[in-house]
Amino acid sequence: MNIKLEDIEEFANESVGTYLFADRCFSDDNLLINTQEILKSKNKEMRLF
């Protein structure tokens, strides 16, 4: 499953907590970095496994 930036923005606005992602969910490093930045801007935490 590939995560899309639109999906990240949507659930970052609606939910709280720490997000746990498998690193294979990201199609490239840019998407991973953008996801980290979006969640960070909303005071959310992100972890990879």
PDB file of N, CA and C in Angstrom:
ATOM      1  N   MET A   1       0.848  -1.183   0.000  1.00  0.00           N
ATOM      2  CA  MET A   1       0.000   0.000   0.000  1.00  0.00           C
ATOM      3  C   MET A   1       0.887   1.238   0.000  1.00  0.00           C
ATOM      4  N   ASN A   2       0.660   2.128  -0.910  1.00  0.00           N
ATOM      5  CA  ASN A   2       1.373   3.396  -0.943  1.00  0.00           C
ATOM      6  C   ASN A   2       0.491   4.490  -0.371  1.00  0.00           C
ATOM      7  N   ILE A   3       1.043   5.233   0.536  1.00  0.00           N
ATOM      8  CA  ILE A   3       0.343   6.347   1.146  1.00  0.00           C
ATOM      9  C   ILE A   3       0.469   7.548   0.228  1.00  0.00           C
ATOM     10  N   LYS A   4      -0.592   8.336   0.178  1.00  0.00           N
ATOM     11  CA  LYS A   4      -0.594   9.560  -0.617  1.00  0.00           C
ATOM     12  C   LYS A   4      -0.565  10.755   0.331  1.00  0.00           C
ATOM     13  N   LEU A   5       0.034  11.827  -0.106  1.00  0.00           N
ATOM     14  CA  LEU A   5       0.146  13.020   0.714  1.00  0.00           C
ATOM     15  C   LEU A   5      -1.226  13.559   1.125  1.00  0.00           C
ATOM     16  N   GLU A   6      -2.199  13.436   0.240  1.00  0.00           N
ATOM     17  CA  GLU A   6      -3.556  13.887   0.557  1.00  0.00           C
ATOM     18  C   GLU A   6      -4.128  13.105   1.745  1.00  0.00           C
ATOM     19  N   ASP A   7      -3.823  11.810   1.806  1.00  0.00           N
ATOM     20  CA  ASP A   7      -4.295  10.980   2.910  1.00  0.00           C
ATOM     21  C   ASP A   7      -3.690  11.446   4.228  1.00  0.00           C
ATOM     22  N   ILE A   8      -2.407  11.741   4.206  1.00  0.00           N
ATOM     23  CA  ILE A   8      -1.717  12.201   5.411  1.00  0.00           C
ATOM     24  C   ILE A   8      -2.327  13.500   5.910  1.00  0.00           C
ATOM     25  N   GLU A   9      -2.539  14.437   5.012  1.00  0.00           N
ATOM     26  CA  GLU A   9      -3.111  15.722   5.395  1.00  0.00           C
ATOM     27  C   GLU A   9      -4.505  15.559   5.982  1.00  0.00           C
ATOM     28  N   GLU A  10      -5.287  14.682   5.403  1.00  0.00           N
ATOM     29  CA  GLU A  10      -6.656  14.474   5.878  1.00  0.00           C
ATOM     30  C   GLU A  10      -6.687  13.896   7.285  1.00  0.00           C
ATOM     31  N   PHE A  11      -5.988  12.792   7.525  1.00  0.00           N
ATOM     32  CA  PHE A  11      -6.104  12.214   8.856  1.00  0.00           C
ATOM     33  C   PHE A  11      -5.282  12.960   9.896  1.00  0.00           C
ATOM     34  N   ALA A  12      -4.294  13.750   9.498  1.00  0.00           N
ATOM     35  CA  ALA A  12      -3.562  14.579  10.455  1.00  0.00           C
ATOM     36  C   ALA A  12      -4.451  15.680  11.013  1.00  0.00           C
ATOM     37  N   ASN A  13      -5.413  16.126  10.225  1.00  0.00           N
ATOM     38  CA  ASN A  13      -6.349  17.150  10.684  1.00  0.00           C
ATOM     39  C   ASN A  13      -7.441  16.583  11.577  1.00  0.00           C
ATOM     40  N   GLU A  14      -7.739  15.313  11.448  1.00  0.00           N
ATOM     41  CA  GLU A  14      -8.895  14.747  12.127  1.00  0.00           C
ATOM     42  C   GLU A  14      -8.577  13.912  13.355  1.00  0.00           C
ATOM     43  N   SER A  15      -7.344  13.495  13.535  1.00  0.00           N
ATOM     44  CA  SER A  15      -7.060  12.577  14.626  1.00  0.00           C
ATOM     45  C   SER A  15      -5.882  13.070  15.460  1.00  0.00           C
ATOM     46  N   VAL A  16      -5.676  12.403  16.584  1.00  0.00           N
ATOM     47  CA  VAL A  16      -4.595  12.760  17.502  1.00  0.00           C
ATOM     48  C   VAL A  16      -3.722  11.548  17.753  1.00  0.00           C
ATOM     49  N   GLY A  17      -2.516  11.800  18.237  1.00  0.00           N
ATOM     50  CA  GLY A  17      -1.679  10.697  18.657  1.00  0.00           C
ATOM     51  C   GLY A  17      -0.410  10.531  17.856  1.00  0.00           C
ATOM     52  N   THR A  18       0.139   9.362  18.023  1.00  0.00           N
ATOM     53  CA  THR A  18       1.368   8.981  17.336  1.00  0.00           C
ATOM     54  C   THR A  18       1.016   8.075  16.171  1.00  0.00           C
ATOM     55  N   TYR A  19       1.665   8.291  15.051  1.00  0.00           N
ATOM     56  CA  TYR A  19       1.418   7.507  13.854  1.00  0.00           C
ATOM     57  C   TYR A  19       2.548   6.517  13.651  1.00  0.00           C
ATOM     58  N   LEU A  20       2.201   5.299  13.379  1.00  0.00           N
ATOM     59  CA  LEU A  20       3.162   4.229  13.160  1.00  0.00           C
ATOM     60  C   LEU A  20       2.996   3.739  11.725  1.00  0.00           C
ATOM     61  N   PHE A  21       4.069   3.828  10.954  1.00  0.00           N
ATOM     62  CA  PHE A  21       4.038   3.444   9.548  1.00  0.00           C
ATOM     63  C   PHE A  21       5.108   2.405   9.259  1.00  0.00           C
ATOM     64  N   ALA A  22       4.803   1.494   8.359  1.00  0.00           N
ATOM     65  CA  ALA A  22       5.834   0.625   7.795  1.00  0.00           C
ATOM     66  C   ALA A  22       6.574   1.455   6.756  1.00  0.00           C
ATOM     67  N   ASP A  23       7.885   1.386   6.749  1.00  0.00           N
ATOM     68  CA  ASP A  23       8.654   2.203   5.815  1.00  0.00           C
ATOM     69  C   ASP A  23       8.329   1.889   4.359  1.00  0.00           C
ATOM     70  N   ARG A  24       7.836   0.712   4.089  1.00  0.00           N
ATOM     71  CA  ARG A  24       7.499   0.345   2.713  1.00  0.00           C
ATOM     72  C   ARG A  24       6.215   1.019   2.213  1.00  0.00           C
ATOM     73  N   CYS A  25       5.512   1.716   3.085  1.00  0.00           N
ATOM     74  CA  CYS A  25       4.300   2.436   2.682  1.00  0.00           C
ATOM     75  C   CYS A  25       4.601   3.673   1.856  1.00  0.00           C
ATOM     76  N   PHE A  26       5.849   4.119   1.892  1.00  0.00           N
ATOM     77  CA  PHE A  26       6.222   5.350   1.205  1.00  0.00           C
ATOM     78  C   PHE A  26       6.904   5.021  -0.114  1.00  0.00           C
ATOM     79  N   SER A  27       6.396   5.596  -1.179  1.00  0.00           N
ATOM     80  CA  SER A  27       6.921   5.299  -2.511  1.00  0.00           C
ATOM     81  C   SER A  27       8.310   5.885  -2.739  1.00  0.00           C
ATOM     82  N   ASP A  28       8.638   6.964  -2.025  1.00  0.00           N
ATOM     83  CA  ASP A  28       9.972   7.557  -2.150  1.00  0.00           C
ATOM     84  C   ASP A  28      10.303   8.375  -0.903  1.00  0.00           C
ATOM     85  N   ASP A  29      11.547   8.831  -0.825  1.00  0.00           N
ATOM     86  CA  ASP A  29      12.002   9.591   0.339  1.00  0.00           C
ATOM     87  C   ASP A  29      11.310  10.938   0.453  1.00  0.00           C
ATOM     88  N   ASN A  30      10.962  11.540  -0.671  1.00  0.00           N
ATOM     89  CA  ASN A  30      10.270  12.835  -0.625  1.00  0.00           C
ATOM     90  C   ASN A  30       8.925  12.724   0.082  1.00  0.00           C
ATOM     91  N   LEU A  31       8.200  11.676  -0.195  1.00  0.00           N
ATOM     92  CA  LEU A  31       6.915  11.467   0.459  1.00  0.00           C
ATOM     93  C   LEU A  31       7.101  11.247   1.954  1.00  0.00           C
ATOM     94  N   LEU A  32       8.101  10.501   2.322  1.00  0.00           N
ATOM     95  CA  LEU A  32       8.404  10.273   3.741  1.00  0.00           C
ATOM     96  C   LEU A  32       8.735  11.589   4.439  1.00  0.00           C
ATOM     97  N   ILE A  33       9.595  12.389   3.851  1.00  0.00           N
ATOM     98  CA  ILE A  33       9.989  13.672   4.443  1.00  0.00           C
ATOM     99  C   ILE A  33       8.792  14.614   4.537  1.00  0.00           C
ATOM    100  N   ASN A  34       7.988  14.673   3.493  1.00  0.00           N
ATOM    101  CA  ASN A  34       6.792  15.530   3.520  1.00  0.00           C
ATOM    102  C   ASN A  34       5.809  15.081   4.586  1.00  0.00           C
ATOM    103  N   THR A  35       5.657  13.788   4.746  1.00  0.00           N
ATOM    104  CA  THR A  35       4.775  13.256   5.783  1.00  0.00           C
ATOM    105  C   THR A  35       5.274  13.661   7.158  1.00  0.00           C
ATOM    106  N   GLN A  36       6.568  13.520   7.385  1.00  0.00           N
ATOM    107  CA  GLN A  36       7.148  13.919   8.668  1.00  0.00           C
ATOM    108  C   GLN A  36       6.897  15.400   8.939  1.00  0.00           C
ATOM    109  N   GLU A  37       7.071  16.219   7.941  1.00  0.00           N
ATOM    110  CA  GLU A  37       6.886  17.664   8.109  1.00  0.00           C
ATOM    111  C   GLU A  37       5.430  18.027   8.379  1.00  0.00           C
ATOM    112  N   ILE A  38       4.515  17.401   7.674  1.00  0.00           N
ATOM    113  CA  ILE A  38       3.089  17.665   7.902  1.00  0.00           C
ATOM    114  C   ILE A  38       2.710  17.300   9.328  1.00  0.00           C
ATOM    115  N   LEU A  39       3.098  16.112   9.760  1.00  0.00           N
ATOM    116  CA  LEU A  39       2.735  15.676  11.109  1.00  0.00           C
ATOM    117  C   LEU A  39       3.414  16.528  12.169  1.00  0.00           C
ATOM    118  N   LYS A  40       4.652  16.887  11.938  1.00  0.00           N
ATOM    119  CA  LYS A  40       5.380  17.748  12.876  1.00  0.00           C
ATOM    120  C   LYS A  40       4.692  19.105  13.007  1.00  0.00           C
ATOM    121  N   SER A  41       4.227  19.657  11.906  1.00  0.00           N
ATOM    122  CA  SER A  41       3.560  20.965  11.936  1.00  0.00           C
ATOM    123  C   SER A  41       2.246  20.919  12.714  1.00  0.00           C
ATOM    124  N   LYS A  42       1.688  19.735  12.851  1.00  0.00           N
ATOM    125  CA  LYS A  42       0.431  19.562  13.586  1.00  0.00           C
ATOM    126  C   LYS A  42       0.667  18.965  14.976  1.00  0.00           C
ATOM    127  N   ASN A  43       1.925  19.002  15.418  1.00  0.00           N
ATOM    128  CA  ASN A  43       2.322  18.485  16.737  1.00  0.00           C
ATOM    129  C   ASN A  43       1.983  17.013  16.920  1.00  0.00           C
ATOM    130  N   LYS A  44       2.181  16.256  15.868  1.00  0.00           N
ATOM    131  CA  LYS A  44       1.961  14.807  15.908  1.00  0.00           C
ATOM    132  C   LYS A  44       3.314  14.109  15.834  1.00  0.00           C
ATOM    133  N   GLU A  45       3.363  12.906  16.317  1.00  0.00           N
ATOM    134  CA  GLU A  45       4.599  12.125  16.284  1.00  0.00           C
ATOM    135  C   GLU A  45       4.469  11.001  15.270  1.00  0.00           C
ATOM    136  N   MET A  46       5.589  10.681  14.629  1.00  0.00           N
ATOM    137  CA  MET A  46       5.588   9.638  13.615  1.00  0.00           C
ATOM    138  C   MET A  46       6.721   8.670  13.920  1.00  0.00           C
ATOM    139  N   ARG A  47       6.436   7.385  13.797  1.00  0.00           N
ATOM    140  CA  ARG A  47       7.457   6.343  13.965  1.00  0.00           C
ATOM    141  C   ARG A  47       7.383   5.376  12.801  1.00  0.00           C
ATOM    142  N   LEU A  48       8.545   4.862  12.439  1.00  0.00           N
ATOM    143  CA  LEU A  48       8.637   3.889  11.353  1.00  0.00           C
ATOM    144  C   LEU A  48       9.063   2.528  11.892  1.00  0.00           C
ATOM    145  N   PHE A  49       8.612   1.500  11.250  1.00  0.00           N
ATOM    146  CA  PHE A  49       9.111   0.151  11.554  1.00  0.00           C
ATOM    147  C   PHE A  49       9.427  -0.569  10.292  1.00  0.00           C
TER     148      PHE A  49
END
